[in-house]
Structures are given as structure tokens and as C-alpha cells.
Amino acid sequence: MADTGTHTCPSQCMNRKMLVLWNQAVHTNREVTKCGPDIIIKNKKKKTCILIDVAVPADRNVMKKETEKELKYKSLCTEIQ
């Protein structure tokens, strides 16, 4: 049987200690543009979050991509602190 290439997966995975979300926006009190990291890991016990944004640049573009990411998430960083 041929694979049609269509696959859906849930946008979250959870247990009693952790919640992992992907492709979802970060909700803040004020509107923050560009606040959609690729992965959010919430530790329910510690009440902390880890935001992960993935990039796969060529070797020569690593510094450029790093700077882009820092600028992209500057307002979100300010808001969640």
C-alpha cells in the first residue's frame, strides 16, 4: 500500500510534570509580535518554561541567524521577564 504523505500529529504532549507544545504562540498580557517559538516546554512543578526556536543555517550563516533570532524575540523576552 502506498504512503500518501499525509500525517497529522497533535500540537502538544503532556504528563503530570511537563507540557510540550509546538507551533503555538506564547500568550502574554500585552500583544507581542513574532512570539511563536518552535517548541515550548513547560515544567508544571517548577512553573518554568523553556522556549526553543530551531534553525539550520549553513556554517557561514550561524552568527547571522543567531543575531536574527535575538532581535526577533527581544520584545517577547522583555515581556515574559
C-alpha atoms as a PDB file:
ATOM      1  CA  MET A   1       0.000   0.000   0.000  1.00  0.00           C
ATOM      2  CA  ALA A   2       1.428   3.415  -0.996  1.00  0.00           C
ATOM      3  CA  ASP A   3       2.079   6.149   1.577  1.00  0.00           C
ATOM      4  CA  THR A   4       0.063   9.262   0.727  1.00  0.00           C
ATOM      5  CA  GLY A   5       2.438  11.505   2.667  1.00  0.00           C
ATOM      6  CA  THR A   6      -0.288  12.951   4.861  1.00  0.00           C
ATOM      7  CA  HIS A   7       0.350  12.696   8.557  1.00  0.00           C
ATOM      8  CA  THR A   8      -1.129  14.702  11.372  1.00  0.00           C
ATOM      9  CA  CYS A   9       0.214  14.906  14.875  1.00  0.00           C
ATOM     10  CA  PRO A  10      -1.094  16.662  17.960  1.00  0.00           C
ATOM     11  CA  SER A  11       0.299  20.100  18.819  1.00  0.00           C
ATOM     12  CA  GLN A  12       1.032  19.094  22.394  1.00  0.00           C
ATOM     13  CA  CYS A  13       2.241  16.249  24.571  1.00  0.00           C
ATOM     14  CA  MET A  14       1.715  16.196  28.319  1.00  0.00           C
ATOM     15  CA  ASN A  15       2.190  14.261  31.520  1.00  0.00           C
ATOM     16  CA  ARG A  16       1.871  15.220  35.208  1.00  0.00           C
ATOM     17  CA  LYS A  17       5.193  17.103  35.270  1.00  0.00           C
ATOM     18  CA  MET A  18       5.691  18.532  31.777  1.00  0.00           C
ATOM     19  CA  LEU A  19       3.788  20.003  28.856  1.00  0.00           C
ATOM     20  CA  VAL A  20       5.457  20.219  25.453  1.00  0.00           C
ATOM     21  CA  LEU A  21       3.859  22.446  22.803  1.00  0.00           C
ATOM     22  CA  TRP A  22       4.949  23.117  19.234  1.00  0.00           C
ATOM     23  CA  ASN A  23       3.845  25.619  16.603  1.00  0.00           C
ATOM     24  CA  GLN A  24       1.887  27.646  19.140  1.00  0.00           C
ATOM     25  CA  ALA A  25       2.147  31.296  20.152  1.00  0.00           C
ATOM     26  CA  VAL A  26       3.238  32.430  23.601  1.00  0.00           C
ATOM     27  CA  HIS A  27       0.385  34.136  25.423  1.00  0.00           C
ATOM     28  CA  THR A  28       1.344  37.350  27.235  1.00  0.00           C
ATOM     29  CA  ASN A  29      -0.556  40.222  28.868  1.00  0.00           C
ATOM     30  CA  ARG A  30       0.428  42.611  26.091  1.00  0.00           C
ATOM     31  CA  GLU A  31       0.465  41.824  22.386  1.00  0.00           C
ATOM     32  CA  VAL A  32       3.936  40.838  21.259  1.00  0.00           C
ATOM     33  CA  THR A  33       4.651  40.352  17.580  1.00  0.00           C
ATOM     34  CA  LYS A  34       6.622  37.345  16.384  1.00  0.00           C
ATOM     35  CA  CYS A  35       6.166  35.324  19.548  1.00  0.00           C
ATOM     36  CA  GLY A  36       5.927  31.857  18.127  1.00  0.00           C
ATOM     37  CA  PRO A  37       8.913  29.717  19.059  1.00  0.00           C
ATOM     38  CA  ASP A  38       9.031  26.261  17.520  1.00  0.00           C
ATOM     39  CA  ILE A  39       8.847  24.387  20.844  1.00  0.00           C
ATOM     40  CA  ILE A  40       7.690  25.386  24.344  1.00  0.00           C
ATOM     41  CA  ILE A  41       8.483  23.111  27.288  1.00  0.00           C
ATOM     42  CA  LYS A  42       6.523  23.907  30.458  1.00  0.00           C
ATOM     43  CA  ASN A  43       7.626  22.399  33.748  1.00  0.00           C
ATOM     44  CA  LYS A  44       4.422  22.310  35.801  1.00  0.00           C
ATOM     45  CA  LYS A  45       6.151  21.594  39.127  1.00  0.00           C
ATOM     46  CA  LYS A  46       8.815  24.331  38.861  1.00  0.00           C
ATOM     47  CA  LYS A  47       6.474  26.687  36.963  1.00  0.00           C
ATOM     48  CA  THR A  48       9.122  27.436  34.353  1.00  0.00           C
ATOM     49  CA  CYS A  49       9.192  27.415  30.550  1.00  0.00           C
ATOM     50  CA  ILE A  50      11.903  26.786  28.007  1.00  0.00           C
ATOM     51  CA  LEU A  51      11.368  28.367  24.586  1.00  0.00           C
ATOM     52  CA  ILE A  52      13.147  26.724  21.660  1.00  0.00           C
ATOM     53  CA  ASP A  53      13.442  28.164  18.165  1.00  0.00           C
ATOM     54  CA  VAL A  54      15.172  25.909  15.662  1.00  0.00           C
ATOM     55  CA  ALA A  55      17.330  26.980  12.723  1.00  0.00           C
ATOM     56  CA  VAL A  56      19.586  25.017  10.404  1.00  0.00           C
ATOM     57  CA  PRO A  57      21.860  27.599   8.773  1.00  0.00           C
ATOM     58  CA  ALA A  58      24.947  26.893   6.723  1.00  0.00           C
ATOM     59  CA  ASP A  59      28.186  27.138   8.705  1.00  0.00           C
ATOM     60  CA  ARG A  60      28.931  30.629   7.457  1.00  0.00           C
ATOM     61  CA  ASN A  61      25.467  31.913   8.444  1.00  0.00           C
ATOM     62  CA  VAL A  62      25.391  30.815  12.097  1.00  0.00           C
ATOM     63  CA  MET A  63      26.276  34.227  13.555  1.00  0.00           C
ATOM     64  CA  LYS A  64      23.804  35.975  11.243  1.00  0.00           C
ATOM     65  CA  LYS A  65      20.980  33.603  12.195  1.00  0.00           C
ATOM     66  CA  GLU A  66      21.797  33.951  15.893  1.00  0.00           C
ATOM     67  CA  THR A  67      21.537  37.740  15.639  1.00  0.00           C
ATOM     68  CA  GLU A  68      18.230  37.463  13.734  1.00  0.00           C
ATOM     69  CA  LYS A  69      16.783  35.233  16.457  1.00  0.00           C
ATOM     70  CA  GLU A  70      17.899  37.582  19.240  1.00  0.00           C
ATOM     71  CA  LEU A  71      16.235  40.542  17.514  1.00  0.00           C
ATOM     72  CA  LYS A  72      13.127  38.535  16.685  1.00  0.00           C
ATOM     73  CA  TYR A  73      12.491  37.567  20.308  1.00  0.00           C
ATOM     74  CA  LYS A  74      13.722  40.702  22.095  1.00  0.00           C
ATOM     75  CA  SER A  75      10.228  42.057  22.840  1.00  0.00           C
ATOM     76  CA  LEU A  76       8.976  38.634  23.942  1.00  0.00           C
ATOM     77  CA  CYS A  77      11.963  38.252  26.257  1.00  0.00           C
ATOM     78  CA  THR A  78      11.218  41.627  27.835  1.00  0.00           C
ATOM     79  CA  GLU A  79       7.530  40.785  28.252  1.00  0.00           C
ATOM     80  CA  ILE A  80       7.967  37.373  29.890  1.00  0.00           C
ATOM     81  CA  GLN A  81      10.634  38.510  32.363  1.00  0.00           C
END
